[in-house]
N, C-alpha and C. Protein backbone atom coordinates (compact mmCIF):
# COMPACT_ATOMS: atom_id res chain seq x y z
N MET A 1 0.84 -1.17 0.00
CA MET A 1 0.00 0.00 0.00
C MET A 1 0.90 1.24 0.00
N ALA A 2 0.66 2.17 -0.91
CA ALA A 2 1.47 3.38 -1.02
C ALA A 2 1.05 4.39 0.04
N LYS A 3 2.05 5.15 0.49
CA LYS A 3 1.76 6.20 1.46
C LYS A 3 0.99 7.33 0.79
N THR A 4 0.05 7.89 1.53
CA THR A 4 -0.67 9.06 1.04
C THR A 4 0.09 10.29 1.51
N GLU A 5 0.47 11.13 0.56
CA GLU A 5 1.23 12.32 0.94
C GLU A 5 0.28 13.43 1.34
N LYS A 6 0.53 13.99 2.52
CA LYS A 6 -0.25 15.11 3.02
C LYS A 6 0.50 16.39 2.71
N PRO A 7 -0.22 17.42 2.30
CA PRO A 7 0.46 18.70 2.11
C PRO A 7 0.97 19.21 3.45
N LYS A 8 2.21 19.71 3.45
CA LYS A 8 2.79 20.23 4.68
C LYS A 8 2.21 21.60 4.99
N LYS A 9 1.89 21.81 6.26
CA LYS A 9 1.38 23.10 6.69
C LYS A 9 2.51 24.14 6.57
N GLY A 10 2.19 25.28 5.99
CA GLY A 10 3.19 26.33 5.85
C GLY A 10 4.27 26.01 4.84
N ARG A 11 3.98 25.17 3.89
CA ARG A 11 4.96 24.76 2.89
C ARG A 11 5.52 25.98 2.15
N LYS A 12 6.81 26.00 2.00
CA LYS A 12 7.47 27.09 1.29
C LYS A 12 7.49 26.74 -0.20
N ASP A 13 6.84 27.57 -1.00
CA ASP A 13 6.71 27.23 -2.41
C ASP A 13 7.16 28.35 -3.36
N SER A 14 7.88 29.34 -2.84
CA SER A 14 8.36 30.44 -3.67
C SER A 14 9.80 30.76 -3.33
N GLN A 15 10.47 31.39 -4.28
CA GLN A 15 11.84 31.82 -4.07
C GLN A 15 11.95 33.31 -4.29
N LEU A 16 12.88 33.92 -3.58
CA LEU A 16 13.20 35.32 -3.77
C LEU A 16 14.70 35.36 -4.06
N ILE A 17 15.05 35.84 -5.22
CA ILE A 17 16.45 35.89 -5.61
C ILE A 17 16.94 37.32 -5.44
N ILE A 18 18.04 37.48 -4.70
CA ILE A 18 18.63 38.80 -4.50
C ILE A 18 20.09 38.76 -4.92
N ARG A 19 20.61 39.92 -5.22
CA ARG A 19 22.03 40.02 -5.56
C ARG A 19 22.73 40.85 -4.50
N ILE A 20 23.75 40.26 -3.87
CA ILE A 20 24.59 40.96 -2.92
C ILE A 20 26.03 40.57 -3.22
N SER A 21 26.95 41.32 -2.64
CA SER A 21 28.36 41.00 -2.91
C SER A 21 28.71 39.67 -2.25
N LYS A 22 29.69 39.01 -2.82
CA LYS A 22 30.16 37.73 -2.28
C LYS A 22 30.65 37.91 -0.85
N GLU A 23 31.31 39.02 -0.58
CA GLU A 23 31.82 39.27 0.76
C GLU A 23 30.69 39.38 1.79
N GLU A 24 29.61 40.11 1.43
CA GLU A 24 28.47 40.23 2.34
C GLU A 24 27.79 38.88 2.55
N ARG A 25 27.62 38.15 1.48
CA ARG A 25 26.98 36.84 1.57
C ARG A 25 27.79 35.91 2.47
N ASP A 26 29.09 35.85 2.22
CA ASP A 26 29.95 34.97 3.01
C ASP A 26 29.95 35.35 4.48
N ALA A 27 30.02 36.65 4.77
CA ALA A 27 30.00 37.12 6.16
C ALA A 27 28.67 36.77 6.82
N PHE A 28 27.56 36.93 6.10
CA PHE A 28 26.23 36.62 6.63
C PHE A 28 26.09 35.14 6.92
N VAL A 29 26.49 34.31 5.97
CA VAL A 29 26.39 32.86 6.15
C VAL A 29 27.30 32.40 7.29
N ASP A 30 28.50 32.94 7.37
CA ASP A 30 29.42 32.58 8.46
C ASP A 30 28.83 32.96 9.81
N LEU A 31 28.25 34.15 9.91
CA LEU A 31 27.64 34.58 11.17
C LEU A 31 26.45 33.70 11.53
N CYS A 32 25.63 33.37 10.55
CA CYS A 32 24.49 32.47 10.81
C CYS A 32 25.00 31.13 11.33
N ASP A 33 26.04 30.60 10.73
CA ASP A 33 26.62 29.33 11.20
C ASP A 33 27.11 29.46 12.64
N ALA A 34 27.78 30.57 12.94
CA ALA A 34 28.30 30.78 14.29
C ALA A 34 27.17 30.89 15.31
N LEU A 35 26.01 31.39 14.87
CA LEU A 35 24.86 31.55 15.75
C LEU A 35 23.93 30.33 15.70
N ASP A 36 24.38 29.27 15.02
CA ASP A 36 23.62 28.03 14.91
C ASP A 36 22.23 28.24 14.31
N THR A 37 22.19 28.98 13.22
CA THR A 37 20.95 29.21 12.49
C THR A 37 21.29 29.14 11.01
N SER A 38 20.29 29.28 10.17
CA SER A 38 20.56 29.26 8.73
C SER A 38 20.26 30.63 8.13
N ALA A 39 20.92 30.92 7.03
CA ALA A 39 20.69 32.18 6.33
C ALA A 39 19.23 32.29 5.90
N ALA A 40 18.68 31.22 5.38
CA ALA A 40 17.28 31.23 4.92
C ALA A 40 16.33 31.53 6.09
N ARG A 41 16.58 30.90 7.23
CA ARG A 41 15.73 31.12 8.40
C ARG A 41 15.77 32.58 8.83
N GLU A 42 16.95 33.18 8.82
CA GLU A 42 17.09 34.57 9.26
C GLU A 42 16.46 35.54 8.26
N ILE A 43 16.56 35.24 6.98
CA ILE A 43 15.93 36.10 5.98
C ILE A 43 14.41 36.01 6.08
N ARG A 44 13.88 34.77 6.29
CA ARG A 44 12.43 34.63 6.49
C ARG A 44 11.98 35.39 7.73
N ARG A 45 12.78 35.31 8.81
CA ARG A 45 12.45 36.02 10.05
C ARG A 45 12.43 37.53 9.80
N PHE A 46 13.40 38.03 9.03
CA PHE A 46 13.43 39.45 8.71
C PHE A 46 12.18 39.86 7.93
N ILE A 47 11.83 39.07 6.92
CA ILE A 47 10.67 39.40 6.09
C ILE A 47 9.39 39.42 6.93
N ARG A 48 9.21 38.41 7.77
CA ARG A 48 8.01 38.38 8.63
C ARG A 48 7.96 39.58 9.56
N GLY A 49 9.10 39.93 10.15
CA GLY A 49 9.15 41.09 11.03
C GLY A 49 8.87 42.38 10.28
N PHE A 50 9.41 42.51 9.09
CA PHE A 50 9.21 43.70 8.26
C PHE A 50 7.73 43.85 7.91
N LEU A 51 7.10 42.74 7.53
CA LEU A 51 5.67 42.78 7.21
C LEU A 51 4.84 43.16 8.43
N THR A 52 5.18 42.59 9.57
CA THR A 52 4.46 42.92 10.81
C THR A 52 4.66 44.39 11.17
N GLU A 53 5.88 44.85 11.08
CA GLU A 53 6.19 46.25 11.41
C GLU A 53 5.38 47.22 10.56
N HIS A 54 5.16 46.84 9.32
CA HIS A 54 4.43 47.72 8.39
C HIS A 54 2.98 47.30 8.24
N ASP A 55 2.53 46.37 9.10
CA ASP A 55 1.14 45.91 9.14
C ASP A 55 0.63 45.49 7.77
N THR A 56 1.45 44.72 7.06
CA THR A 56 1.10 44.24 5.74
C THR A 56 0.57 42.82 5.84
N LYS A 57 -0.52 42.55 5.19
CA LYS A 57 -1.09 41.21 5.17
C LYS A 57 -0.51 40.41 4.01
N THR A 58 -0.21 39.13 4.26
CA THR A 58 0.26 38.25 3.20
C THR A 58 -0.95 37.64 2.50
N SER A 59 -0.73 37.07 1.35
CA SER A 59 -1.83 36.51 0.56
C SER A 59 -2.47 35.29 1.21
N ASP A 60 -1.73 34.58 2.11
CA ASP A 60 -2.29 33.40 2.73
C ASP A 60 -2.63 33.61 4.20
N GLY A 61 -2.83 34.84 4.62
CA GLY A 61 -3.18 35.01 6.02
C GLY A 61 -3.59 36.38 6.27
């Protein structure tokens, strides 16, 4: 019997591509590693905080 796949709650289904200098990227990733977090997690946290600060509603909430 095959497993039935359930959609994951809060599934991430989009990408945001940005351009920054290699030095900034490397420093950011290194700092995230030192703080035991990921660059993606911190960028998502920033975006959520920015939206909350500006009282902006997202399309799914």
